[in-house]
C-alpha cells in the first residue's frame, strides 16, 4: 500500500472515531419490565399516534408509536432514530412523517427521543445503545408486530449508532443510514464489518461538509454488500429534500413488503 493511501485510511479511521481496544458490553436484562405507558393518543384518519414512555434501565424513554388504527397480525416494524438536533419527545421529529406514511400502508413505527452523548469514550455509548435496544423491545411488544420483520432508519448520530446496533443486535434485518455523523465515539467501520445486514440503503449529501465524500466512501465500503443501495443527492447534511424522502420511503416499502 502506498504511504499516501495508508495515511488517508488512518485519517478516515481517526475521523470516524476509532475506539480503544477495551471490550464494551451493551447487554441488559431483557426480562426487566418495560413499564410501558400510553401518555396520549390521537387519531389521524386511518392511523393512530400514541405518545408512549417506557423504562430503559435507569432512564425513561419517550417516543411516538405510529401504527394503523385497525391493527392486524404480522405487521412490519420500523425504528426511526434522528440526530440530537432533530428530535423532540413524541412529536416534531424529522421522521414522524415517514412513520405516518408507512402506517397508512400497514407498518408500525417507533420514533424515540434519545438522550445522545455528544462526547466521550465508547463506554459512554452504552446507555444510548441500550435505549435503542429497549425501543426494539417496545416495538416488538406492540400487538401484531412481526418481530422477524424489523427495519432501522437513522440520521446523523442516529445513523452512526445504527452501525453499532447492527453489529450487536440481529433483530432488525434492514437498515437505512442517512448522512451519518463523523463524531461518533466508536469505530463505525469496525462495527459495520461485524454486522450481518440483509439489506441496506445509504443516503449521502454531495454538499455535506460534516461528512465529506471520502468518509462517505469509506462508510459505504464497510457496509456488507448484500442488497446494498447507495444514493447521493444535491443536498447538505440535513438531506431535507423530496428526492431523498421519496426514495427512502419507496425502498422501505419494498423491503417491508407493503404498498
Protein backbone atom coordinates (compact mmCIF):
# COMPACT_ATOMS: atom_id res chain seq x y z
CA UNK A 1 0.00 0.00 0.00
CA UNK A 2 1.39 3.45 -0.84
CA UNK A 3 2.26 5.73 2.08
CA UNK A 4 -0.27 8.37 0.99
CA UNK A 5 -3.05 5.81 0.82
CA UNK A 6 -2.16 4.48 4.25
CA UNK A 7 -2.20 7.98 5.73
CA UNK A 8 -5.58 8.64 4.14
CA UNK A 9 -7.02 5.45 5.59
CA UNK A 10 -5.63 6.27 9.03
CA UNK A 11 -7.14 9.75 8.82
CA UNK A 12 -10.52 8.30 7.92
CA UNK A 13 -10.43 5.85 10.79
CA UNK A 14 -9.49 8.63 13.18
CA UNK A 15 -12.25 10.88 11.87
CA UNK A 16 -14.82 8.14 12.32
CA UNK A 17 -13.95 7.84 15.98
CA UNK A 18 -11.80 4.72 16.25
CA UNK A 19 -12.42 3.19 19.66
CA UNK A 20 -9.93 1.78 22.10
CA UNK A 21 -9.21 -1.90 22.44
CA UNK A 22 -11.12 -2.47 25.64
CA UNK A 23 -14.27 -4.50 25.43
CA UNK A 24 -17.62 -2.79 25.97
CA UNK A 25 -20.83 -4.64 26.78
CA UNK A 26 -24.19 -3.45 25.52
CA UNK A 27 -26.14 -6.23 27.22
CA UNK A 28 -29.00 -5.60 29.61
CA UNK A 29 -31.70 -7.50 31.49
CA UNK A 30 -34.18 -8.37 28.75
CA UNK A 31 -36.62 -9.71 31.33
CA UNK A 32 -36.91 -6.34 33.08
CA UNK A 33 -40.44 -4.90 32.75
CA UNK A 34 -40.84 -2.17 30.17
CA UNK A 35 -43.36 -0.34 32.36
CA UNK A 36 -44.82 0.94 29.10
CA UNK A 37 -47.42 3.68 29.40
CA UNK A 38 -49.52 5.46 26.78
CA UNK A 39 -49.45 9.11 27.76
CA UNK A 40 -51.58 10.48 24.91
CA UNK A 41 -53.32 9.13 21.81
CA UNK A 42 -54.56 10.87 18.71
CA UNK A 43 -56.26 9.53 15.61
CA UNK A 44 -55.18 10.73 12.18
CA UNK A 45 -57.72 9.12 9.87
CA UNK A 46 -56.62 5.53 9.29
CA UNK A 47 -53.64 5.74 11.64
CA UNK A 48 -53.07 6.32 15.33
CA UNK A 49 -50.17 8.09 17.05
CA UNK A 50 -49.52 7.16 20.67
CA UNK A 51 -47.15 9.18 22.84
CA UNK A 52 -45.59 6.46 24.96
CA UNK A 53 -42.98 6.12 27.69
CA UNK A 54 -41.08 3.08 28.93
CA UNK A 55 -38.12 2.16 31.09
CA UNK A 56 -34.57 1.60 29.89
CA UNK A 57 -32.53 0.57 32.95
CA UNK A 58 -32.44 3.85 34.97
CA UNK A 59 -33.96 6.10 32.29
CA UNK A 60 -37.45 6.74 30.99
CA UNK A 61 -37.63 6.88 27.19
CA UNK A 62 -40.33 8.95 25.47
CA UNK A 63 -41.41 8.05 21.93
CA UNK A 64 -44.15 8.21 19.36
CA UNK A 65 -45.68 4.87 18.39
CA UNK A 66 -47.27 5.24 14.95
CA UNK A 67 -49.49 2.43 13.72
CA UNK A 68 -52.58 1.60 11.67
CA UNK A 69 -55.77 2.30 13.60
CA UNK A 70 -57.03 -1.18 12.67
CA UNK A 71 -54.15 -3.40 13.73
CA UNK A 72 -53.63 -6.86 12.32
CA UNK A 73 -51.12 -9.70 12.56
CA UNK A 74 -47.64 -9.79 11.05
CA UNK A 75 -47.16 -6.06 10.65
CA UNK A 76 -43.57 -5.00 9.89
CA UNK A 77 -41.93 -2.68 12.41
CA UNK A 78 -39.52 0.23 12.00
CA UNK A 79 -37.30 2.04 14.49
CA UNK A 80 -36.67 5.65 13.34
CA UNK A 81 -33.80 7.45 15.07
CA UNK A 82 -32.98 11.12 14.44
CA UNK A 83 -29.91 13.06 15.50
CA UNK A 84 -29.78 15.32 18.59
CA UNK A 85 -30.92 18.47 16.77
CA UNK A 86 -33.94 16.99 15.01
CA UNK A 87 -35.93 15.15 17.66
CA UNK A 88 -38.46 16.00 20.33
CA UNK A 89 -40.45 13.76 22.68
CA UNK A 90 -43.18 12.14 20.63
CA UNK A 91 -43.54 14.93 18.08
CA UNK A 92 -41.55 17.28 15.92
CA UNK A 93 -39.21 14.51 14.82
CA UNK A 94 -37.90 14.63 11.24
CA UNK A 95 -39.01 11.02 10.71
CA UNK A 96 -42.55 11.32 12.04
CA UNK A 97 -43.94 11.98 8.54
CA UNK A 98 -42.16 8.86 7.26
CA UNK A 99 -43.67 6.84 10.09
CA UNK A 100 -47.15 8.14 9.28
CA UNK A 101 -46.65 7.32 5.59
CA UNK A 102 -45.68 3.75 6.47
CA UNK A 103 -48.54 3.35 8.97
CA UNK A 104 -51.05 4.13 6.21
CA UNK A 105 -49.59 1.15 4.36
CA UNK A 106 -49.65 -1.28 7.28
CA UNK A 107 -46.37 -0.82 9.18
CA UNK A 108 -45.79 0.10 12.83
CA UNK A 109 -43.02 2.57 13.73
CA UNK A 110 -41.46 3.78 16.95
CA UNK A 111 -39.87 7.24 16.89
CA UNK A 112 -37.97 7.87 20.15
CA UNK A 113 -36.34 10.87 21.74
CA UNK A 114 -32.87 9.56 22.61
CA UNK A 115 -30.55 11.18 25.15
CA UNK A 116 -27.43 11.28 22.98
CA UNK A 117 -23.92 11.53 24.44
CA UNK A 118 -22.19 14.18 22.37
CA UNK A 119 -18.66 13.39 23.53
CA UNK A 120 -16.68 10.84 25.47
CA UNK A 121 -15.39 7.31 25.05
CA UNK A 122 -17.03 4.27 23.54
CA UNK A 123 -18.16 3.25 27.02
CA UNK A 124 -20.31 6.38 27.21
CA UNK A 125 -22.43 4.97 24.37
CA UNK A 126 -23.78 2.12 26.49
CA UNK A 127 -26.93 3.82 27.88
CA UNK A 128 -27.94 5.10 24.44
CA UNK A 129 -27.39 1.74 22.74
CA UNK A 130 -29.44 0.03 25.44
CA UNK A 131 -32.17 2.65 24.89
CA UNK A 132 -32.23 1.70 21.21
CA UNK A 133 -32.49 -1.98 22.11
CA UNK A 134 -35.32 -1.20 24.53
CA UNK A 135 -37.05 0.69 21.70
CA UNK A 136 -36.94 -2.56 19.74
CA UNK A 137 -38.40 -4.35 22.78
CA UNK A 138 -41.26 -1.82 22.92
CA UNK A 139 -41.85 -2.11 19.19
CA UNK A 140 -41.99 -5.91 19.36
CA UNK A 141 -44.34 -5.71 22.35
CA UNK A 142 -46.89 -3.85 20.19
CA UNK A 143 -49.74 -6.24 19.30
CA UNK A 144 -49.47 -7.55 15.73
CA UNK A 145 -45.83 -6.56 15.09
CA UNK A 146 -43.77 -9.27 13.39
CA UNK A 147 -40.50 -9.46 15.35
CA UNK A 148 -38.85 -11.16 12.37
CA UNK A 149 -39.60 -8.24 10.04
CA UNK A 150 -37.93 -5.15 11.51
CA UNK A 151 -36.03 -2.23 9.99
CA UNK A 152 -33.89 0.58 11.39
CA UNK A 153 -33.64 4.11 9.97
CA UNK A 154 -31.17 6.64 11.39
CA UNK A 155 -29.91 10.12 10.52
CA UNK A 156 -26.77 11.88 11.76
CA UNK A 157 -25.73 10.32 15.08
CA UNK A 158 -28.79 8.08 14.72
CA UNK A 159 -27.19 6.58 11.60
CA UNK A 160 -23.84 6.22 13.36
CA UNK A 161 -25.40 4.39 16.28
CA UNK A 162 -27.33 2.28 13.79
CA UNK A 163 -23.99 0.93 12.60
CA UNK A 164 -23.14 -0.05 16.16
CA UNK A 165 -26.59 -1.52 16.80
CA UNK A 166 -26.32 -3.61 13.63
CA UNK A 167 -23.17 -5.22 15.00
CA UNK A 168 -24.73 -6.36 18.29
CA UNK A 169 -28.47 -6.85 17.69
CA UNK A 170 -29.71 -9.07 14.87
CA UNK A 171 -33.40 -8.25 15.21
CA UNK A 172 -33.53 -5.50 12.54
CA UNK A 173 -32.86 -7.12 9.18
CA UNK A 174 -32.61 -3.96 7.06
CA UNK A 175 -31.02 -0.59 7.76
CA UNK A 176 -31.25 2.90 6.25
CA UNK A 177 -28.25 5.10 7.04
CA UNK A 178 -28.97 8.78 6.35
CA UNK A 179 -25.91 11.10 6.42
CA UNK A 180 -24.06 9.65 9.43
CA UNK A 181 -22.22 11.85 11.92
CA UNK A 182 -18.44 11.73 11.88
CA UNK A 183 -18.16 12.42 15.64
CA UNK A 184 -19.39 9.06 16.92
CA UNK A 185 -17.26 7.99 19.92
CA UNK A 186 -16.66 4.49 18.50
CA UNK A 187 -15.31 2.88 15.34
CA UNK A 188 -18.20 2.82 12.85
CA UNK A 189 -16.21 0.96 10.22
CA UNK A 190 -15.34 -1.87 12.60
CA UNK A 191 -18.96 -2.07 13.73
CA UNK A 192 -20.20 -2.30 10.15
CA UNK A 193 -17.68 -5.04 9.42
CA UNK A 194 -19.26 -7.12 12.20
CA UNK A 195 -22.84 -6.51 11.05
CA UNK A 196 -24.85 -9.16 9.23
CA UNK A 197 -27.23 -6.95 7.24
CA UNK A 198 -29.73 -8.46 4.82
CA UNK A 199 -30.40 -5.13 3.13
CA UNK A 200 -29.16 -1.56 3.44
CA UNK A 201 -29.84 1.85 1.90
CA UNK A 202 -27.22 4.60 2.30
CA UNK A 203 -28.13 8.24 1.68
CA UNK A 204 -25.45 10.95 1.45
CA UNK A 205 -25.44 14.65 0.60
CA UNK A 206 -22.99 15.87 -2.03
CA UNK A 207 -22.78 19.20 -0.17
CA UNK A 208 -22.46 17.64 3.29
CA UNK A 209 -19.40 19.35 4.80
CA UNK A 210 -19.73 17.46 8.10
CA UNK A 211 -19.48 14.05 6.41
CA UNK A 212 -17.48 14.64 3.20
CA UNK A 213 -17.09 12.33 0.23
CA UNK A 214 -14.02 10.42 1.45
CA UNK A 215 -15.80 9.46 4.67
CA UNK A 216 -18.96 8.55 2.78
CA UNK A 217 -16.95 6.26 0.50
CA UNK A 218 -15.26 4.59 3.48
CA UNK A 219 -18.60 4.12 5.25
CA UNK A 220 -20.24 2.66 2.14
CA UNK A 221 -17.30 0.33 1.54
CA UNK A 222 -17.57 -1.01 5.10
CA UNK A 223 -21.27 -1.89 4.75
CA UNK A 224 -21.81 -5.53 3.70
CA UNK A 225 -22.65 -5.58 0.00
CA UNK A 226 -25.67 -7.87 0.36
CA UNK A 227 -28.58 -5.92 -1.16
CA UNK A 228 -26.80 -2.59 -0.63
CA UNK A 229 -28.02 0.61 -2.32
CA UNK A 230 -26.10 3.90 -2.18
CA UNK A 231 -27.60 7.25 -3.28
CA UNK A 232 -26.02 10.70 -3.21
CA UNK A 233 -28.14 13.84 -3.51
CA UNK A 234 -27.51 17.50 -4.25
CA UNK A 235 -28.09 18.39 -0.61
CA UNK A 236 -26.36 19.24 2.66
CA UNK A 237 -26.21 17.16 5.85
CA UNK A 238 -29.91 17.62 6.61
CA UNK A 239 -30.91 15.84 3.37
CA UNK A 240 -34.23 17.64 3.66
CA UNK A 241 -35.25 17.21 0.03
CA UNK A 242 -38.18 15.39 -1.52
CA UNK A 243 -35.99 13.08 -3.62
CA UNK A 244 -34.28 11.63 -0.54
CA UNK A 245 -37.56 11.25 1.33
CA UNK A 246 -39.38 9.65 -1.60
CA UNK A 247 -36.58 7.16 -2.33
CA UNK A 248 -36.25 6.22 1.34
CA UNK A 249 -39.97 5.55 1.66
CA UNK A 250 -40.10 3.54 -1.55
CA UNK A 251 -37.08 1.46 -0.51
CA UNK A 252 -38.61 0.75 2.89
CA UNK A 253 -41.98 -0.18 1.44
CA UNK A 254 -40.36 -2.63 -0.98
CA UNK A 255 -38.23 -4.25 1.74
CA UNK A 256 -41.07 -4.37 4.25
CA UNK A 257 -43.45 -5.89 1.73
CA UNK A 258 -46.09 -3.13 1.93
CA UNK A 259 -47.64 -0.76 -0.62
